[in-house]
Amino acid sequence: MTKWLSSPWLAIRVQLALGVFFVAAALPKIVDPPSFAHMVYNYRIMPGGAVNLMALVMPWIELLCGLALILGIWTAAARAIVAAMLFVFIAAISVNLARGNAIDCGCFDPSPRPKSRLERLDDMRFVIYRDLGMLLMVAQLTYAARRKQRIADSG
């Protein structure tokens, strides 16, 4: 099992998929910063003055990390930043779920669509599971990179 988890065949596919996820998440936010700023505000965890800055900067970080993973450059840094962002996303959504604050996450589409409170809460649970899955993807890439490095160091 460890051989398969660290195989280059799997690692490149996981790396490309994760990169595509982050590029796809970033583009709509870059195109429509005001809508994304509104989504960030709805989380009610950032000071008001930081909302616009976050809405302008975070999508570009997502885009750069996604492109780095797709192109295979700066992959260790991109993996670390992606993992940190995923932890923050999971925490932010979990806090709002615990509060009963039914929000649209704004993950892939910052323009809100009318949904019932129950639909938004269900979406939030799904997003947590999806982000946990992406964290597993980061873990697999990190494991494969470390195993590759150990093999190179010993041989």
Protein backbone atom coordinates (compact mmCIF):
# COMPACT_ATOMS: atom_id res chain seq x y z
CA MET A 1 0.00 0.00 0.00
CA THR A 2 2.82 2.45 0.81
CA LYS A 3 4.36 1.81 -2.60
CA TRP A 4 1.10 2.72 -4.33
CA LEU A 5 0.54 5.83 -2.16
CA SER A 6 3.98 7.12 -3.08
CA SER A 7 3.89 6.15 -6.74
CA PRO A 8 4.66 8.93 -9.23
CA TRP A 9 1.63 7.80 -11.27
CA LEU A 10 -0.73 8.62 -8.40
CA ALA A 11 1.14 11.70 -7.16
CA ILE A 12 1.04 13.52 -10.51
CA ARG A 13 -2.68 12.88 -10.89
CA VAL A 14 -3.46 14.03 -7.37
CA GLN A 15 -1.24 17.09 -7.80
CA LEU A 16 -2.94 18.04 -11.07
CA ALA A 17 -6.43 17.51 -9.62
CA LEU A 18 -5.67 19.60 -6.55
CA GLY A 19 -4.19 22.34 -8.74
CA VAL A 20 -7.27 22.35 -10.97
CA PHE A 21 -9.57 22.57 -7.91
CA PHE A 22 -7.74 25.65 -6.64
CA VAL A 23 -7.59 27.37 -10.04
CA ALA A 24 -11.30 26.68 -10.55
CA ALA A 25 -12.07 28.08 -7.09
CA ALA A 26 -9.97 31.21 -7.62
CA LEU A 27 -11.16 32.40 -11.03
CA PRO A 28 -14.79 33.35 -10.18
CA LYS A 29 -13.56 35.17 -7.06
CA ILE A 30 -10.98 37.14 -9.06
CA VAL A 31 -13.62 38.13 -11.60
CA ASP A 32 -16.13 39.29 -8.95
CA PRO A 33 -14.34 40.59 -5.82
CA PRO A 34 -17.39 42.43 -4.38
CA SER A 35 -19.49 39.26 -4.31
CA PHE A 36 -16.64 37.33 -2.73
CA ALA A 37 -16.11 40.10 -0.15
CA HIS A 38 -19.79 39.74 0.76
CA MET A 39 -19.29 35.99 1.23
CA VAL A 40 -16.23 36.57 3.44
CA TYR A 41 -18.20 39.11 5.49
CA ASN A 42 -21.02 36.58 6.06
CA TYR A 43 -18.62 34.30 7.94
CA ARG A 44 -18.54 36.95 10.69
CA ILE A 45 -15.05 35.98 11.87
CA MET A 46 -12.88 38.70 10.31
CA PRO A 47 -12.68 42.33 11.34
CA GLY A 48 -14.58 44.51 8.90
CA GLY A 49 -11.46 46.26 7.65
CA ALA A 50 -9.81 42.96 6.68
CA VAL A 51 -12.72 41.60 4.64
CA ASN A 52 -11.94 43.52 1.43
CA LEU A 53 -8.21 42.81 1.69
CA MET A 54 -8.94 39.09 2.17
CA ALA A 55 -11.36 39.10 -0.77
CA LEU A 56 -8.73 40.67 -3.01
CA VAL A 57 -5.67 38.67 -1.92
CA MET A 58 -6.90 35.15 -1.15
CA PRO A 59 -8.13 34.27 -4.67
CA TRP A 60 -4.74 35.22 -6.13
CA ILE A 61 -2.99 33.00 -3.59
CA GLU A 62 -5.33 30.17 -4.53
CA LEU A 63 -4.63 30.77 -8.22
CA LEU A 64 -0.84 30.87 -7.77
CA CYS A 65 -0.83 27.72 -5.63
CA GLY A 66 -3.08 25.91 -8.10
CA LEU A 67 -0.88 26.91 -11.04
CA ALA A 68 2.26 25.89 -9.14
CA LEU A 69 0.79 22.44 -8.55
CA ILE A 70 -0.33 22.09 -12.19
CA LEU A 71 3.05 23.25 -13.53
CA GLY A 72 5.05 21.26 -10.97
CA ILE A 73 6.97 24.26 -9.65
CA TRP A 74 7.38 25.28 -6.00
CA THR A 75 5.25 22.27 -5.11
CA ALA A 76 6.38 22.02 -1.48
CA ALA A 77 5.45 25.65 -0.81
CA ALA A 78 2.18 25.30 -2.72
CA ARG A 79 1.28 22.16 -0.74
CA ALA A 80 1.98 23.91 2.57
CA ILE A 81 -0.07 26.98 1.65
CA VAL A 82 -2.93 24.87 0.31
CA ALA A 83 -2.96 22.80 3.51
CA ALA A 84 -3.00 25.95 5.65
CA MET A 85 -5.85 27.43 3.61
CA LEU A 86 -7.84 24.19 3.85
CA PHE A 87 -7.43 24.12 7.64
CA VAL A 88 -8.65 27.72 7.83
CA PHE A 89 -11.60 27.01 5.50
CA ILE A 90 -12.63 23.96 7.52
CA ALA A 91 -12.36 25.88 10.80
CA ALA A 92 -14.32 28.87 9.46
CA ILE A 93 -17.14 26.75 8.10
CA SER A 94 -17.20 24.57 11.23
CA VAL A 95 -17.47 27.64 13.48
CA ASN A 96 -20.41 28.93 11.46
CA LEU A 97 -22.04 25.52 11.38
CA ALA A 98 -21.73 25.29 15.18
CA ARG A 99 -23.26 28.77 15.47
CA GLY A 100 -26.13 27.76 13.20
CA ASN A 101 -25.10 30.55 10.82
CA ALA A 102 -26.22 29.13 7.46
CA ILE A 103 -23.92 30.70 4.88
CA ASP A 104 -22.96 30.10 1.28
CA CYS A 105 -19.26 29.31 1.44
CA GLY A 106 -18.39 31.16 -1.76
CA CYS A 107 -15.85 28.46 -2.54
CA PHE A 108 -16.38 28.05 -6.27
CA ASP A 109 -19.07 30.62 -7.01
CA PRO A 110 -19.19 33.86 -5.04
CA SER A 111 -22.56 34.91 -6.43
CA PRO A 112 -25.28 33.80 -4.02
CA ARG A 113 -28.18 31.73 -5.25
CA PRO A 114 -31.39 31.49 -3.29
CA LYS A 115 -31.26 28.44 -1.03
CA SER A 116 -33.16 27.48 2.05
CA ARG A 117 -31.42 27.52 5.43
CA LEU A 118 -31.41 23.72 5.48
CA GLU A 119 -29.83 23.55 2.01
CA ARG A 120 -27.08 25.96 3.07
CA LEU A 121 -26.38 23.94 6.24
CA ASP A 122 -26.21 20.74 4.18
CA ASP A 123 -23.88 22.46 1.71
CA MET A 124 -21.64 23.55 4.59
CA ARG A 125 -21.34 19.94 5.81
CA PHE A 126 -20.52 18.80 2.29
CA VAL A 127 -17.85 21.51 1.96
CA ILE A 128 -16.20 20.36 5.19
CA TYR A 129 -16.03 16.78 3.86
CA ARG A 130 -14.77 17.99 0.47
CA ASP A 131 -12.05 20.08 2.11
CA LEU A 132 -11.06 17.14 4.33
CA GLY A 133 -10.74 15.09 1.13
CA MET A 134 -8.48 17.75 -0.35
CA LEU A 135 -6.41 17.69 2.85
CA LEU A 136 -5.98 13.95 2.28
CA MET A 137 -4.76 14.78 -1.22
CA VAL A 138 -2.17 17.16 0.27
CA ALA A 139 -1.15 14.44 2.75
CA GLN A 140 -0.66 11.94 -0.07
CA LEU A 141 1.48 14.40 -2.03
CA THR A 142 3.57 15.19 1.03
CA TYR A 143 4.03 11.48 1.79
CA ALA A 144 5.06 10.75 -1.81
CA ALA A 145 7.53 13.67 -1.86
CA ARG A 146 9.12 12.64 1.44
CA ARG A 147 9.39 9.01 0.39
CA LYS A 148 10.96 10.07 -2.94
CA GLN A 149 13.44 12.25 -1.05
CA ARG A 150 14.35 9.40 1.33
CA ILE A 151 14.96 7.08 -1.61
CA ALA A 152 17.13 9.71 -3.33
CA ASP A 153 19.11 10.34 -0.15
CA SER A 154 19.77 6.63 0.42
CA GLY A 155 20.66 5.78 -3.14
